[in-house]
Amino acid sequence: MPASRLVLCLPVVIAVSVVLAGCVPTEPGASSPTASSSSEPAGPSATATVPPAPTVAPETGEPVTIGCADLISLQAMYDYNPNFGLIDSYTPDPGTYAAQAIAANGLACRWINQTSGDTIDVSVAHLTDEGLAAREGALSDPVSDYDGYFSSQDGFATAQAFSGPYWIAATSRAFFEPVDAAPIIAAAIAGLG
């Protein structure tokens, strides 16, 4: 082949090679940077399971008739942390405080941090005086940040409070100290009226 033809073909070969190289992932199984395989937030908490709560004698309370957005207003949660969004449909894990509240005709709600995947579970039940006394009698860690109790287990912390006939529990990995849960407890008490 004459040298002049070789010089003319070389740029075409280089251009085709560059285009084809852009079509091959750099690592086996690699995907485009804009591709997303899940709408769930990333992070270790997205798959974490809330530990079971201590068992208290089951009781059927009066139905709680408000919704999650009434218990903790959207503004109150936004003020707490704008990354948390309410999950529309939530079924608590068996044995948790939230499941115990549901069993007593109460309400259980879950918010999820869209960045970290951490959750905040807030539940409320309308109990008799005896039911409230049994719940409070099982607690031993009173706190001054709100009129209630705070405990930790398996990386989760739970804040509990009593307001009139209501028992309120809030559980999250986002609670490191009682002060972290205080705005959530205050919002729930306000939401209950």
Protein backbone atom coordinates (compact mmCIF):
# COMPACT_ATOMS: atom_id res chain seq x y z
CA MET A 1 0.00 0.00 0.00
CA PRO A 2 1.43 3.43 -0.91
CA ALA A 3 2.46 5.67 2.01
CA SER A 4 -0.07 8.35 1.06
CA ARG A 5 -2.99 5.90 1.47
CA LEU A 6 -1.63 4.70 4.83
CA VAL A 7 -1.46 8.28 6.11
CA LEU A 8 -5.09 8.90 5.03
CA CYS A 9 -6.40 5.66 6.63
CA LEU A 10 -4.64 6.12 9.96
CA PRO A 11 -6.90 8.97 11.26
CA VAL A 12 -10.02 6.92 10.39
CA VAL A 13 -8.72 3.87 12.30
CA ILE A 14 -7.87 6.02 15.34
CA ALA A 15 -11.31 7.71 15.34
CA VAL A 16 -13.16 4.37 15.15
CA SER A 17 -11.02 2.96 17.98
CA VAL A 18 -11.82 5.92 20.24
CA VAL A 19 -15.57 5.64 19.58
CA LEU A 20 -15.60 1.89 20.25
CA ALA A 21 -13.53 2.27 23.42
CA GLY A 22 -16.22 4.58 24.86
CA CYS A 23 -18.81 1.79 24.53
CA VAL A 24 -17.06 -0.68 26.83
CA PRO A 25 -17.40 -0.42 30.65
CA THR A 26 -14.09 0.03 32.44
CA GLU A 27 -14.88 -2.80 34.90
CA PRO A 28 -16.90 -5.96 34.44
CA GLY A 29 -20.49 -5.28 35.54
CA ALA A 30 -19.96 -1.49 35.63
CA SER A 31 -22.87 0.68 34.62
CA SER A 32 -23.40 4.21 33.49
CA PRO A 33 -22.94 6.79 36.26
CA THR A 34 -26.50 8.02 35.73
CA ALA A 35 -28.09 4.58 36.04
CA SER A 36 -29.96 3.77 39.23
CA SER A 37 -30.98 0.30 40.27
CA SER A 38 -33.08 1.24 43.30
CA SER A 39 -35.30 4.03 44.54
CA GLU A 40 -34.44 3.14 48.15
CA PRO A 41 -31.92 5.37 49.89
CA ALA A 42 -28.44 3.99 50.33
CA GLY A 43 -26.83 3.35 53.67
CA PRO A 44 -26.64 0.68 56.33
CA SER A 45 -29.84 1.78 58.07
CA ALA A 46 -32.00 1.17 54.99
CA THR A 47 -32.03 -2.56 55.78
CA ALA A 48 -31.67 -2.40 59.57
CA THR A 49 -34.40 -4.01 61.64
CA VAL A 50 -35.81 -2.31 64.70
CA PRO A 51 -35.15 -4.55 67.72
CA PRO A 52 -38.08 -6.02 69.67
CA ALA A 53 -39.34 -4.08 72.66
CA PRO A 54 -39.83 -5.46 76.16
CA THR A 55 -43.17 -7.20 76.44
CA VAL A 56 -45.88 -5.52 78.45
CA ALA A 57 -49.26 -7.16 79.07
CA PRO A 58 -51.30 -6.64 75.90
CA GLU A 59 -54.21 -4.26 76.11
CA THR A 60 -56.84 -3.09 73.66
CA GLY A 61 -57.05 0.65 73.87
CA GLU A 62 -59.42 3.14 72.33
CA PRO A 63 -58.83 3.73 68.61
CA VAL A 64 -56.48 6.56 67.69
CA THR A 65 -58.29 8.36 64.89
CA ILE A 66 -55.70 10.83 63.61
CA GLY A 67 -53.25 10.17 60.78
CA CYS A 68 -49.46 10.27 60.71
CA ALA A 69 -49.32 13.77 59.20
CA ASP A 70 -51.52 14.97 62.07
CA LEU A 71 -49.44 13.25 64.75
CA ILE A 72 -46.20 14.80 63.48
CA SER A 73 -46.97 17.62 61.10
CA LEU A 74 -44.98 17.84 57.88
CA GLN A 75 -43.66 21.21 59.06
CA ALA A 76 -42.55 19.79 62.42
CA MET A 77 -40.64 16.98 60.70
CA TYR A 78 -39.16 19.42 58.17
CA ASP A 79 -38.00 21.63 61.05
CA TYR A 80 -36.45 18.57 62.71
CA ASN A 81 -34.65 17.44 59.53
CA PRO A 82 -35.83 18.24 55.99
CA ASN A 83 -34.38 14.95 54.66
CA PHE A 84 -37.05 12.85 56.43
CA GLY A 85 -40.12 11.90 54.42
CA LEU A 86 -43.24 10.08 55.58
CA ILE A 87 -43.68 6.52 54.28
CA ASP A 88 -47.23 6.06 53.01
CA SER A 89 -47.66 2.43 53.99
CA TYR A 90 -45.86 1.05 57.03
CA THR A 91 -46.23 -2.26 58.84
CA PRO A 92 -44.12 -2.43 62.01
CA ASP A 93 -41.90 -5.42 62.74
CA PRO A 94 -43.50 -7.85 65.24
CA GLY A 95 -42.70 -7.18 68.88
CA THR A 96 -41.64 -3.54 68.40
CA TYR A 97 -43.21 -0.64 70.27
CA ALA A 98 -44.95 0.36 67.04
CA ALA A 99 -46.45 -3.15 66.68
CA GLN A 100 -47.59 -3.05 70.32
CA ALA A 101 -49.31 0.30 69.67
CA ILE A 102 -51.08 -1.11 66.59
CA ALA A 103 -52.24 -4.13 68.65
CA ALA A 104 -53.80 -1.65 71.12
CA ASN A 105 -55.79 0.10 68.31
CA GLY A 106 -53.11 2.78 68.10
CA LEU A 107 -51.19 4.43 65.30
CA ALA A 108 -47.69 3.69 63.98
CA CYS A 109 -45.85 5.90 61.49
CA ARG A 110 -42.44 5.77 59.83
CA TRP A 111 -40.33 8.53 58.32
CA ILE A 112 -37.18 7.75 56.32
CA ASN A 113 -34.12 9.89 55.73
CA GLN A 114 -33.79 10.15 51.95
CA THR A 115 -29.99 10.38 52.21
CA SER A 116 -28.91 7.98 54.97
CA GLY A 117 -31.85 5.57 55.03
CA ASP A 118 -32.27 6.08 58.81
CA THR A 119 -35.84 5.76 59.99
CA ILE A 120 -37.89 7.32 62.75
CA ASP A 121 -40.82 5.22 63.95
CA VAL A 122 -43.41 7.07 66.04
CA SER A 123 -46.34 5.27 67.60
CA VAL A 124 -49.15 6.24 69.93
CA ALA A 125 -51.83 4.32 71.80
CA HIS A 126 -54.79 5.54 73.86
CA LEU A 127 -54.68 3.34 76.97
CA THR A 128 -56.54 2.96 80.25
CA ASP A 129 -55.01 4.25 83.48
CA GLU A 130 -53.95 0.68 84.29
CA GLY A 131 -52.35 0.25 80.87
CA LEU A 132 -50.44 3.51 81.19
CA ALA A 133 -49.26 2.56 84.69
CA ALA A 134 -48.05 -0.85 83.45
CA ARG A 135 -46.12 0.77 80.58
CA GLU A 136 -44.55 3.45 82.76
CA GLY A 137 -43.80 0.95 85.53
CA ALA A 138 -41.68 -1.09 83.08
CA LEU A 139 -39.40 1.92 82.34
CA SER A 140 -36.37 2.92 84.35
CA ASP A 141 -34.50 5.65 82.47
CA PRO A 142 -36.27 9.01 83.09
CA VAL A 143 -34.90 12.05 81.27
CA SER A 144 -35.17 15.78 81.78
CA ASP A 145 -35.08 16.79 78.08
CA TYR A 146 -38.79 15.93 77.97
CA ASP A 147 -41.07 14.38 80.55
CA GLY A 148 -40.41 10.76 79.66
CA TYR A 149 -37.88 7.97 79.25
CA PHE A 150 -34.96 7.13 76.94
CA SER A 151 -33.21 3.82 76.28
CA SER A 152 -30.90 2.24 73.68
CA GLN A 153 -30.68 -1.24 72.19
CA ASP A 154 -28.77 -2.63 69.19
CA GLY A 155 -27.94 0.80 67.77
CA PHE A 156 -31.50 2.12 68.09
CA ALA A 157 -32.74 4.50 70.77
CA THR A 158 -36.30 4.83 71.98
CA ALA A 159 -37.94 7.84 73.58
CA GLN A 160 -41.21 7.24 75.44
CA ALA A 161 -43.59 9.74 76.96
CA PHE A 162 -47.07 9.83 78.44
CA SER A 163 -49.54 12.61 77.73
CA GLY A 164 -53.03 12.31 79.20
CA PRO A 165 -54.36 8.90 78.12
CA TYR A 166 -51.67 8.50 75.44
CA TRP A 167 -48.48 6.44 75.40
CA ILE A 168 -46.00 7.71 72.78
CA ALA A 169 -42.88 5.88 71.59
CA ALA A 170 -40.32 7.08 69.05
CA THR A 171 -37.50 4.78 67.90
CA SER A 172 -34.56 5.66 65.63
CA ARG A 173 -30.85 5.30 64.94
CA ALA A 174 -30.90 9.10 64.59
CA PHE A 175 -31.41 9.51 68.35
CA PHE A 176 -28.06 9.53 70.12
CA GLU A 177 -29.18 11.38 73.24
CA PRO A 178 -32.57 12.28 74.74
CA VAL A 179 -32.29 15.82 73.35
CA ASP A 180 -32.31 14.35 69.80
CA ALA A 181 -35.76 12.85 70.38
CA ALA A 182 -37.23 15.79 72.30
CA PRO A 183 -38.58 17.68 69.23
CA ILE A 184 -40.29 14.52 67.93
CA ILE A 185 -41.93 13.81 71.30
CA ALA A 186 -43.02 17.47 71.60
CA ALA A 187 -44.49 17.40 68.07
CA ALA A 188 -46.42 14.18 68.82
CA ILE A 189 -47.84 15.61 72.06
CA ALA A 190 -48.90 18.76 70.16
CA GLY A 191 -50.44 16.62 67.41
CA LEU A 192 -52.53 14.73 69.95
CA GLY A 193 -53.92 18.03 71.22
